[in-house]
Amino acid sequence: MAKLFPFEVSAIRSSLFLCLMIGLILGLSSAPLQAGARKKSYPDSIVAEGFFRTVFGSEIKALSWGSQTNRVKKYVTPVRVWIDNRASLNRVKMVRKFVRSLPNYIPALKVSLTKHRNKANFRIFIVDSRDYASTVQNEIFRDTSIQVPGQCLVRVLSRRSGILGSDAVLVSDQGLSLFRRCMVEEILQGLGPLNDDDSLKYSVFNDRTNYDYFTHYDRLILNMLYNRRVKPGMTLRQVEPMTMDLLKDAKRIVSRR
């Protein structure tokens, strides 16, 4: 039987080891830190630090348990995405377009859309703000007593053999920029890098920035994570010696796209 680890919530965040971790958007800064968002190069140390901070750790520790969350979480099986629109403002086309773009940005990731809920291992619910909390309670946790923070959320169920499934809830009626921010961060975090950190000024994994697209910086991080040498369950100590090789490979991939 898989060892059950934690349940974590973060301000725009995601994941679980047979672990539950959650990511949410608690609020965005009114003063965007956008400079350098489309920059094509960064000091290696800055990218490495971003990789360590997002892949290892958890943003909101108050809603977590266990000590095994500081390990690699990633899909090793194809990701099959099912989208359920329940919002008055239908943004399904935007989500589909983003999901379909992911293999181009992360070649090692196998992603496809499915029309069948029971065939999906990544479910995305698009809702109106008034239905956000109840959708999280009823669809994600099946517990109406849970206090639901944030404006968007993703939960990831994982064990040391890899992520088993992810669930994201995105609010559609609070403006286009917030929706795009929710969509990009929660879907990406649902793939494994669940931590959010205020020091990452080039990243969507930082609630003080207002990025609402898959930044060049974050593409490097995701390609480092999905390098075949990085295995689910690895610790920082195991991954750190190969970091510069992972970054070198990621730079080569990202430069072509």
C-alpha atoms as a PDB file:
ATOM      1  CA  MET A   1       0.000   0.000   0.000  1.00  0.00           C
ATOM      2  CA  ALA A   2       1.334   3.427  -0.878  1.00  0.00           C
ATOM      3  CA  LYS A   3       2.539   5.520   2.032  1.00  0.00           C
ATOM      4  CA  LEU A   4       0.256   8.490   2.464  1.00  0.00           C
ATOM      5  CA  PHE A   5       1.997  11.815   2.878  1.00  0.00           C
ATOM      6  CA  PRO A   6       0.570  15.349   2.967  1.00  0.00           C
ATOM      7  CA  PHE A   7      -1.950  17.774   1.915  1.00  0.00           C
ATOM      8  CA  GLU A   8      -0.660  21.206   1.054  1.00  0.00           C
ATOM      9  CA  VAL A   9      -2.230  24.475   0.081  1.00  0.00           C
ATOM     10  CA  SER A  10      -0.428  27.377  -1.525  1.00  0.00           C
ATOM     11  CA  ALA A  11      -1.198  30.735  -3.029  1.00  0.00           C
ATOM     12  CA  ILE A  12      -1.448  29.550  -6.607  1.00  0.00           C
ATOM     13  CA  ARG A  13      -0.014  26.127  -6.067  1.00  0.00           C
ATOM     14  CA  SER A  14      -0.427  22.382  -6.445  1.00  0.00           C
ATOM     15  CA  SER A  15       0.344  18.676  -5.474  1.00  0.00           C
ATOM     16  CA  LEU A  16       0.249  15.464  -3.092  1.00  0.00           C
ATOM     17  CA  PHE A  17       2.619  12.387  -2.228  1.00  0.00           C
ATOM     18  CA  LEU A  18       0.175   9.281  -1.977  1.00  0.00           C
ATOM     19  CA  CYS A  19       0.398  12.849  -1.005  1.00  0.00           C
ATOM     20  CA  LEU A  20      -2.097  15.634  -1.315  1.00  0.00           C
ATOM     21  CA  MET A  21      -0.940  19.100  -2.124  1.00  0.00           C
ATOM     22  CA  ILE A  22      -2.939  22.100  -3.076  1.00  0.00           C
ATOM     23  CA  GLY A  23      -2.194  25.309  -4.816  1.00  0.00           C
ATOM     24  CA  LEU A  24      -4.236  28.448  -4.895  1.00  0.00           C
ATOM     25  CA  ILE A  25      -4.209  32.044  -5.888  1.00  0.00           C
ATOM     26  CA  LEU A  26      -4.663  34.093  -2.753  1.00  0.00           C
ATOM     27  CA  GLY A  27      -4.368  37.405  -4.523  1.00  0.00           C
ATOM     28  CA  LEU A  28      -2.138  39.204  -6.980  1.00  0.00           C
ATOM     29  CA  SER A  29       0.018  42.230  -6.374  1.00  0.00           C
ATOM     30  CA  SER A  30      -1.359  45.495  -7.694  1.00  0.00           C
ATOM     31  CA  ALA A  31       2.148  46.469  -8.809  1.00  0.00           C
ATOM     32  CA  PRO A  32       3.313  43.919 -11.353  1.00  0.00           C
ATOM     33  CA  LEU A  33       6.980  42.924 -11.437  1.00  0.00           C
ATOM     34  CA  GLN A  34       7.043  42.300 -15.164  1.00  0.00           C
ATOM     35  CA  ALA A  35      10.500  43.487 -16.194  1.00  0.00           C
ATOM     36  CA  GLY A  36      12.493  40.705 -17.773  1.00  0.00           C
ATOM     37  CA  ALA A  37       9.492  38.428 -18.248  1.00  0.00           C
ATOM     38  CA  ARG A  38      10.420  37.623 -21.837  1.00  0.00           C
ATOM     39  CA  LYS A  39      14.133  37.732 -21.213  1.00  0.00           C
ATOM     40  CA  LYS A  40      16.028  35.005 -23.061  1.00  0.00           C
ATOM     41  CA  SER A  41      18.825  34.418 -20.552  1.00  0.00           C
ATOM     42  CA  TYR A  42      19.307  34.516 -16.795  1.00  0.00           C
ATOM     43  CA  PRO A  43      22.271  33.749 -14.532  1.00  0.00           C
ATOM     44  CA  ASP A  44      22.460  29.987 -14.024  1.00  0.00           C
ATOM     45  CA  SER A  45      22.301  30.459 -10.268  1.00  0.00           C
ATOM     46  CA  ILE A  46      18.978  32.319 -10.555  1.00  0.00           C
ATOM     47  CA  VAL A  47      17.367  29.545 -12.597  1.00  0.00           C
ATOM     48  CA  ALA A  48      18.773  26.827 -10.334  1.00  0.00           C
ATOM     49  CA  GLU A  49      17.402  28.601  -7.283  1.00  0.00           C
ATOM     50  CA  GLY A  50      13.996  28.880  -8.931  1.00  0.00           C
ATOM     51  CA  PHE A  51      14.061  25.169  -9.714  1.00  0.00           C
ATOM     52  CA  PHE A  52      14.925  24.273  -6.118  1.00  0.00           C
ATOM     53  CA  ARG A  53      12.313  26.610  -4.644  1.00  0.00           C
ATOM     54  CA  THR A  54       9.417  25.472  -6.843  1.00  0.00           C
ATOM     55  CA  VAL A  55      10.099  21.737  -7.050  1.00  0.00           C
ATOM     56  CA  PHE A  56      11.051  21.196  -3.407  1.00  0.00           C
ATOM     57  CA  GLY A  57       8.876  22.613  -0.655  1.00  0.00           C
ATOM     58  CA  SER A  58       5.387  23.916  -0.078  1.00  0.00           C
ATOM     59  CA  GLU A  59       4.078  27.445   0.049  1.00  0.00           C
ATOM     60  CA  ILE A  60       1.343  27.050   2.654  1.00  0.00           C
ATOM     61  CA  LYS A  61       2.432  24.758   5.434  1.00  0.00           C
ATOM     62  CA  ALA A  62      -0.499  25.443   7.753  1.00  0.00           C
ATOM     63  CA  LEU A  63      -2.745  23.146   5.728  1.00  0.00           C
ATOM     64  CA  SER A  64      -0.266  20.319   5.297  1.00  0.00           C
ATOM     65  CA  TRP A  65       0.890  17.271   7.161  1.00  0.00           C
ATOM     66  CA  GLY A  66       3.813  14.914   6.891  1.00  0.00           C
ATOM     67  CA  SER A  67       7.447  15.614   6.065  1.00  0.00           C
ATOM     68  CA  GLN A  68       7.829  13.978   2.647  1.00  0.00           C
ATOM     69  CA  THR A  69       6.597  16.810   0.431  1.00  0.00           C
ATOM     70  CA  ASN A  70      10.129  18.049  -0.259  1.00  0.00           C
ATOM     71  CA  ARG A  71      10.582  15.478  -2.979  1.00  0.00           C
ATOM     72  CA  VAL A  72      10.201  15.529  -6.749  1.00  0.00           C
ATOM     73  CA  LYS A  73       6.625  15.247  -7.980  1.00  0.00           C
ATOM     74  CA  LYS A  74       5.997  14.725 -11.699  1.00  0.00           C
ATOM     75  CA  TYR A  75       3.928  12.696 -14.149  1.00  0.00           C
ATOM     76  CA  VAL A  76       5.600   9.629 -15.609  1.00  0.00           C
ATOM     77  CA  THR A  77       2.448   8.554 -17.474  1.00  0.00           C
ATOM     78  CA  PRO A  78       0.658  10.535 -20.193  1.00  0.00           C
ATOM     79  CA  VAL A  79      -1.432  13.433 -18.877  1.00  0.00           C
ATOM     80  CA  ARG A  80      -5.061  13.229 -20.000  1.00  0.00           C
ATOM     81  CA  VAL A  81      -6.946  16.467 -19.391  1.00  0.00           C
ATOM     82  CA  TRP A  82     -10.724  16.725 -18.987  1.00  0.00           C
ATOM     83  CA  ILE A  83     -12.351  20.181 -18.832  1.00  0.00           C
ATOM     84  CA  ASP A  84     -15.749  20.860 -17.258  1.00  0.00           C
ATOM     85  CA  ASN A  85     -17.202  24.323 -17.855  1.00  0.00           C
ATOM     86  CA  ARG A  86     -19.769  25.361 -15.244  1.00  0.00           C
ATOM     87  CA  ALA A  87     -19.290  29.097 -15.635  1.00  0.00           C
ATOM     88  CA  SER A  88     -21.573  31.611 -17.305  1.00  0.00           C
ATOM     89  CA  LEU A  89     -18.512  32.917 -19.169  1.00  0.00           C
ATOM     90  CA  ASN A  90     -17.173  29.950 -21.112  1.00  0.00           C
ATOM     91  CA  ARG A  91     -13.376  30.029 -21.397  1.00  0.00           C
ATOM     92  CA  VAL A  92     -12.892  26.398 -22.435  1.00  0.00           C
ATOM     93  CA  LYS A  93     -11.260  27.296 -25.761  1.00  0.00           C
ATOM     94  CA  MET A  94      -8.533  29.228 -23.969  1.00  0.00           C
ATOM     95  CA  VAL A  95      -7.796  26.329 -21.640  1.00  0.00           C
ATOM     96  CA  ARG A  96      -7.725  23.833 -24.498  1.00  0.00           C
ATOM     97  CA  LYS A  97      -5.312  26.022 -26.430  1.00  0.00           C
ATOM     98  CA  PHE A  98      -2.956  26.267 -23.459  1.00  0.00           C
ATOM     99  CA  VAL A  99      -3.077  22.529 -22.750  1.00  0.00           C
ATOM    100  CA  ARG A 100      -2.376  21.716 -26.402  1.00  0.00           C
ATOM    101  CA  SER A 101       0.634  24.065 -26.368  1.00  0.00           C
ATOM    102  CA  LEU A 102       2.363  22.285 -23.483  1.00  0.00           C
ATOM    103  CA  PRO A 103       4.087  19.495 -25.482  1.00  0.00           C
ATOM    104  CA  ASN A 104       5.675  22.171 -27.643  1.00  0.00           C
ATOM    105  CA  TYR A 105       7.116  23.897 -24.576  1.00  0.00           C
ATOM    106  CA  ILE A 106       7.887  20.692 -22.629  1.00  0.00           C
ATOM    107  CA  PRO A 107       8.707  17.982 -25.222  1.00  0.00           C
ATOM    108  CA  ALA A 108       9.173  15.228 -22.618  1.00  0.00           C
ATOM    109  CA  LEU A 109       5.615  15.736 -21.376  1.00  0.00           C
ATOM    110  CA  LYS A 110       2.860  13.750 -23.068  1.00  0.00           C
ATOM    111  CA  VAL A 111      -0.435  15.662 -22.811  1.00  0.00           C
ATOM    112  CA  SER A 112      -3.780  15.214 -24.531  1.00  0.00           C
ATOM    113  CA  LEU A 113      -7.402  16.258 -24.061  1.00  0.00           C
ATOM    114  CA  THR A 114     -10.172  13.793 -23.365  1.00  0.00           C
ATOM    115  CA  LYS A 115     -13.958  14.165 -23.432  1.00  0.00           C
ATOM    116  CA  HIS A 116     -14.368  11.406 -20.875  1.00  0.00           C
ATOM    117  CA  ARG A 117     -14.044  12.263 -17.193  1.00  0.00           C
ATOM    118  CA  ASN A 118     -13.276   8.683 -16.197  1.00  0.00           C
ATOM    119  CA  LYS A 119     -10.298   8.573 -18.569  1.00  0.00           C
ATOM    120  CA  ALA A 120      -8.716  11.766 -17.236  1.00  0.00           C
ATOM    121  CA  ASN A 121      -5.941  12.088 -14.679  1.00  0.00           C
ATOM    122  CA  PHE A 122      -6.046  15.905 -14.745  1.00  0.00           C
ATOM    123  CA  ARG A 123      -9.481  17.458 -14.251  1.00  0.00           C
ATOM    124  CA  ILE A 124     -10.124  21.175 -14.719  1.00  0.00           C
ATOM    125  CA  PHE A 125     -13.326  22.830 -13.477  1.00  0.00           C
ATOM    126  CA  ILE A 126     -14.202  26.318 -14.772  1.00  0.00           C
ATOM    127  CA  VAL A 127     -16.678  28.009 -12.436  1.00  0.00           C
ATOM    128  CA  ASP A 128     -18.215  31.326 -11.430  1.00  0.00           C
ATOM    129  CA  SER A 129     -16.784  32.874  -8.275  1.00  0.00           C
ATOM    130  CA  ARG A 130     -19.958  32.179  -6.287  1.00  0.00           C
ATOM    131  CA  ASP A 131     -19.499  28.445  -6.945  1.00  0.00           C
ATOM    132  CA  TYR A 132     -15.744  28.272  -6.311  1.00  0.00           C
ATOM    133  CA  ALA A 133     -15.818  27.149  -2.672  1.00  0.00           C
ATOM    134  CA  SER A 134     -18.615  24.622  -3.129  1.00  0.00           C
ATOM    135  CA  THR A 135     -16.901  23.100  -6.187  1.00  0.00           C
ATOM    136  CA  VAL A 136     -13.661  22.650  -4.249  1.00  0.00           C
ATOM    137  CA  GLN A 137     -15.532  21.147  -1.289  1.00  0.00           C
ATOM    138  CA  ASN A 138     -17.784  18.834  -3.306  1.00  0.00           C
ATOM    139  CA  GLU A 139     -15.667  17.851  -6.303  1.00  0.00           C
ATOM    140  CA  ILE A 140     -12.137  17.922  -4.929  1.00  0.00           C
ATOM    141  CA  PHE A 141     -12.343  17.029  -1.241  1.00  0.00           C
ATOM    142  CA  ARG A 142     -15.908  15.800  -0.774  1.00  0.00           C
ATOM    143  CA  ASP A 143     -15.924  17.657   2.522  1.00  0.00           C
ATOM    144  CA  THR A 144     -18.194  20.677   3.000  1.00  0.00           C
ATOM    145  CA  SER A 145     -16.493  21.652   6.267  1.00  0.00           C
ATOM    146  CA  ILE A 146     -13.224  22.619   4.539  1.00  0.00           C
ATOM    147  CA  GLN A 147     -12.469  26.344   4.523  1.00  0.00           C
ATOM    148  CA  VAL A 148     -11.489  27.190   0.949  1.00  0.00           C
ATOM    149  CA  PRO A 149      -8.915  29.992   0.570  1.00  0.00           C
ATOM    150  CA  GLY A 150      -7.700  31.704  -2.576  1.00  0.00           C
ATOM    151  CA  GLN A 151      -9.315  32.502  -5.890  1.00  0.00           C
ATOM    152  CA  CYS A 152      -8.139  29.438  -7.831  1.00  0.00           C
ATOM    153  CA  LEU A 153      -6.763  26.106  -6.731  1.00  0.00           C
ATOM    154  CA  VAL A 154      -5.050  22.930  -7.854  1.00  0.00           C
ATOM    155  CA  ARG A 155      -4.634  19.701  -5.946  1.00  0.00           C
ATOM    156  CA  VAL A 156      -2.198  16.955  -6.893  1.00  0.00           C
ATOM    157  CA  LEU A 157      -2.315  13.382  -5.704  1.00  0.00           C
ATOM    158  CA  SER A 158       1.077  11.693  -5.947  1.00  0.00           C
ATOM    159  CA  ARG A 159       3.216   8.894  -4.627  1.00  0.00           C
ATOM    160  CA  ARG A 160       6.917   8.276  -5.042  1.00  0.00           C
ATOM    161  CA  SER A 161       6.284   6.491  -8.325  1.00  0.00           C
ATOM    162  CA  GLY A 162       4.775   9.662  -9.814  1.00  0.00           C
ATOM    163  CA  ILE A 163       1.716  11.908  -9.851  1.00  0.00           C
ATOM    164  CA  LEU A 164      -1.541   9.956  -9.938  1.00  0.00           C
ATOM    165  CA  GLY A 165      -3.868  12.839 -10.691  1.00  0.00           C
ATOM    166  CA  SER A 166      -4.486  16.580 -10.486  1.00  0.00           C
ATOM    167  CA  ASP A 167      -7.620  18.695 -10.057  1.00  0.00           C
ATOM    168  CA  ALA A 168      -7.800  22.424 -10.778  1.00  0.00           C
ATOM    169  CA  VAL A 169     -10.635  24.865 -10.123  1.00  0.00           C
ATOM    170  CA  LEU A 170     -10.475  28.111 -12.124  1.00  0.00           C
ATOM    171  CA  VAL A 171     -12.752  31.125 -11.609  1.00  0.00           C
ATOM    172  CA  SER A 172     -14.012  32.587 -14.886  1.00  0.00           C
ATOM    173  CA  ASP A 173     -15.875  35.777 -13.943  1.00  0.00           C
ATOM    174  CA  GLN A 174     -13.171  37.824 -12.181  1.00  0.00           C
ATOM    175  CA  GLY A 175     -11.522  39.211 -15.302  1.00  0.00           C
ATOM    176  CA  LEU A 176      -9.464  37.857 -18.169  1.00  0.00           C
ATOM    177  CA  SER A 177      -6.035  38.526 -16.647  1.00  0.00           C
ATOM    178  CA  LEU A 178      -6.854  36.727 -13.390  1.00  0.00           C
ATOM    179  CA  PHE A 179      -8.326  33.800 -15.294  1.00  0.00           C
ATOM    180  CA  ARG A 180      -5.236  33.484 -17.475  1.00  0.00           C
ATOM    181  CA  ARG A 181      -3.027  33.741 -14.396  1.00  0.00           C
ATOM    182  CA  CYS A 182      -5.050  31.039 -12.648  1.00  0.00           C
ATOM    183  CA  MET A 183      -4.997  28.833 -15.730  1.00  0.00           C
ATOM    184  CA  VAL A 184      -1.256  29.052 -16.338  1.00  0.00           C
ATOM    185  CA  GLU A 185      -0.066  28.734 -12.758  1.00  0.00           C
ATOM    186  CA  GLU A 186      -2.509  26.089 -11.560  1.00  0.00           C
ATOM    187  CA  ILE A 187      -2.079  23.858 -14.602  1.00  0.00           C
ATOM    188  CA  LEU A 188       1.715  24.124 -14.467  1.00  0.00           C
ATOM    189  CA  GLN A 189       1.757  23.489 -10.731  1.00  0.00           C
ATOM    190  CA  GLY A 190      -0.519  20.525 -11.290  1.00  0.00           C
ATOM    191  CA  LEU A 191       2.405  19.026 -13.221  1.00  0.00           C
ATOM    192  CA  GLY A 192       4.646  19.061 -10.137  1.00  0.00           C
ATOM    193  CA  PRO A 193       6.381  22.362  -9.219  1.00  0.00           C
ATOM    194  CA  LEU A 194       3.973  23.229  -6.419  1.00  0.00           C
ATOM    195  CA  ASN A 195       5.878  25.803  -4.430  1.00  0.00           C
ATOM    196  CA  ASP A 196       5.390  29.546  -4.729  1.00  0.00           C
ATOM    197  CA  ASP A 197       8.107  31.990  -3.679  1.00  0.00           C
ATOM    198  CA  ASP A 198       8.249  35.799  -3.509  1.00  0.00           C
ATOM    199  CA  SER A 199      11.893  35.840  -4.609  1.00  0.00           C
ATOM    200  CA  LEU A 200      11.149  34.529  -8.121  1.00  0.00           C
ATOM    201  CA  LYS A 201      10.738  37.791  -9.991  1.00  0.00           C
ATOM    202  CA  TYR A 202      10.666  36.201 -13.464  1.00  0.00           C
ATOM    203  CA  SER A 203       8.163  33.505 -12.569  1.00  0.00           C
ATOM    204  CA  VAL A 204       4.423  32.901 -12.502  1.00  0.00           C
ATOM    205  CA  PHE A 205       5.149  30.922  -9.306  1.00  0.00           C
ATOM    206  CA  ASN A 206       5.234  34.162  -7.327  1.00  0.00           C
ATOM    207  CA  ASP A 207       2.059  35.945  -6.261  1.00  0.00           C
ATOM    208  CA  ARG A 208       3.813  39.306  -6.299  1.00  0.00           C
ATOM    209  CA  THR A 209       4.160  39.123 -10.077  1.00  0.00           C
ATOM    210  CA  ASN A 210       1.293  39.502 -12.533  1.00  0.00           C
ATOM    211  CA  TYR A 211       2.491  37.193 -15.267  1.00  0.00           C
ATOM    212  CA  ASP A 212      -0.404  35.510 -17.009  1.00  0.00           C
ATOM    213  CA  TYR A 213       1.568  33.405 -19.488  1.00  0.00           C
ATOM    214  CA  PHE A 214       4.155  30.610 -19.466  1.00  0.00           C
ATOM    215  CA  THR A 215       7.343  32.635 -19.011  1.00  0.00           C
ATOM    216  CA  HIS A 216      10.714  31.755 -20.514  1.00  0.00           C
ATOM    217  CA  TYR A 217      12.050  31.338 -16.985  1.00  0.00           C
ATOM    218  CA  ASP A 218       9.329  28.867 -16.026  1.00  0.00           C
ATOM    219  CA  ARG A 219       9.858  26.880 -19.224  1.00  0.00           C
ATOM    220  CA  LEU A 220      13.406  26.256 -18.062  1.00  0.00           C
ATOM    221  CA  ILE A 221      12.160  25.020 -14.690  1.00  0.00           C
ATOM    222  CA  LEU A 222       9.553  22.676 -16.192  1.00  0.00           C
ATOM    223  CA  ASN A 223      12.041  21.228 -18.665  1.00  0.00           C
ATOM    224  CA  MET A 224      14.519  20.644 -15.865  1.00  0.00           C
ATOM    225  CA  LEU A 225      11.826  18.831 -13.892  1.00  0.00           C
ATOM    226  CA  TYR A 226      10.756  16.706 -16.867  1.00  0.00           C
ATOM    227  CA  ASN A 227      14.298  15.675 -17.752  1.00  0.00           C
ATOM    228  CA  ARG A 228      14.340  11.861 -17.771  1.00  0.00           C
ATOM    229  CA  ARG A 229      17.172  11.872 -15.199  1.00  0.00           C
ATOM    230  CA  VAL A 230      14.878  13.416 -12.604  1.00  0.00           C
ATOM    231  CA  LYS A 231      12.751  10.719 -10.964  1.00  0.00           C
ATOM    232  CA  PRO A 232       9.657  11.097  -8.764  1.00  0.00           C
ATOM    233  CA  GLY A 233      10.512  10.864  -5.085  1.00  0.00           C
ATOM    234  CA  MET A 234      14.037  12.222  -5.454  1.00  0.00           C
ATOM    235  CA  THR A 235      15.296  14.575  -2.762  1.00  0.00           C
ATOM    236  CA  LEU A 236      17.141  17.856  -3.233  1.00  0.00           C
ATOM    237  CA  ARG A 237      20.343  16.125  -2.182  1.00  0.00           C
ATOM    238  CA  GLN A 238      19.922  13.595  -5.008  1.00  0.00           C
ATOM    239  CA  VAL A 239      19.039  16.148  -7.669  1.00  0.00           C
ATOM    240  CA  GLU A 240      21.446  18.952  -6.793  1.00  0.00           C
ATOM    241  CA  PRO A 241      24.629  17.364  -8.274  1.00  0.00           C
ATOM    242  CA  MET A 242      23.000  17.145 -11.722  1.00  0.00           C
ATOM    243  CA  THR A 243      21.443  20.621 -11.661  1.00  0.00           C
ATOM    244  CA  MET A 244      23.782  22.306 -14.148  1.00  0.00           C
ATOM    245  CA  ASP A 245      23.406  19.419 -16.617  1.00  0.00           C
ATOM    246  CA  LEU A 246      19.621  19.676 -16.289  1.00  0.00           C
ATOM    247  CA  LEU A 247      19.792  23.400 -16.936  1.00  0.00           C
ATOM    248  CA  LYS A 248      22.052  22.934 -19.951  1.00  0.00           C
ATOM    249  CA  ASP A 249      19.547  20.509 -21.483  1.00  0.00           C
ATOM    250  CA  ALA A 250      16.629  22.813 -20.650  1.00  0.00           C
ATOM    251  CA  LYS A 251      18.329  25.799 -22.297  1.00  0.00           C
ATOM    252  CA  ARG A 252      18.824  23.799 -25.473  1.00  0.00           C
ATOM    253  CA  ILE A 253      15.148  22.792 -25.544  1.00  0.00           C
ATOM    254  CA  VAL A 254      13.769  26.240 -24.739  1.00  0.00           C
ATOM    255  CA  SER A 255      16.035  28.008 -27.248  1.00  0.00           C
ATOM    256  CA  ARG A 256      14.386  26.047 -30.072  1.00  0.00           C
ATOM    257  CA  ARG A 257      10.871  27.157 -29.118  1.00  0.00           C
END
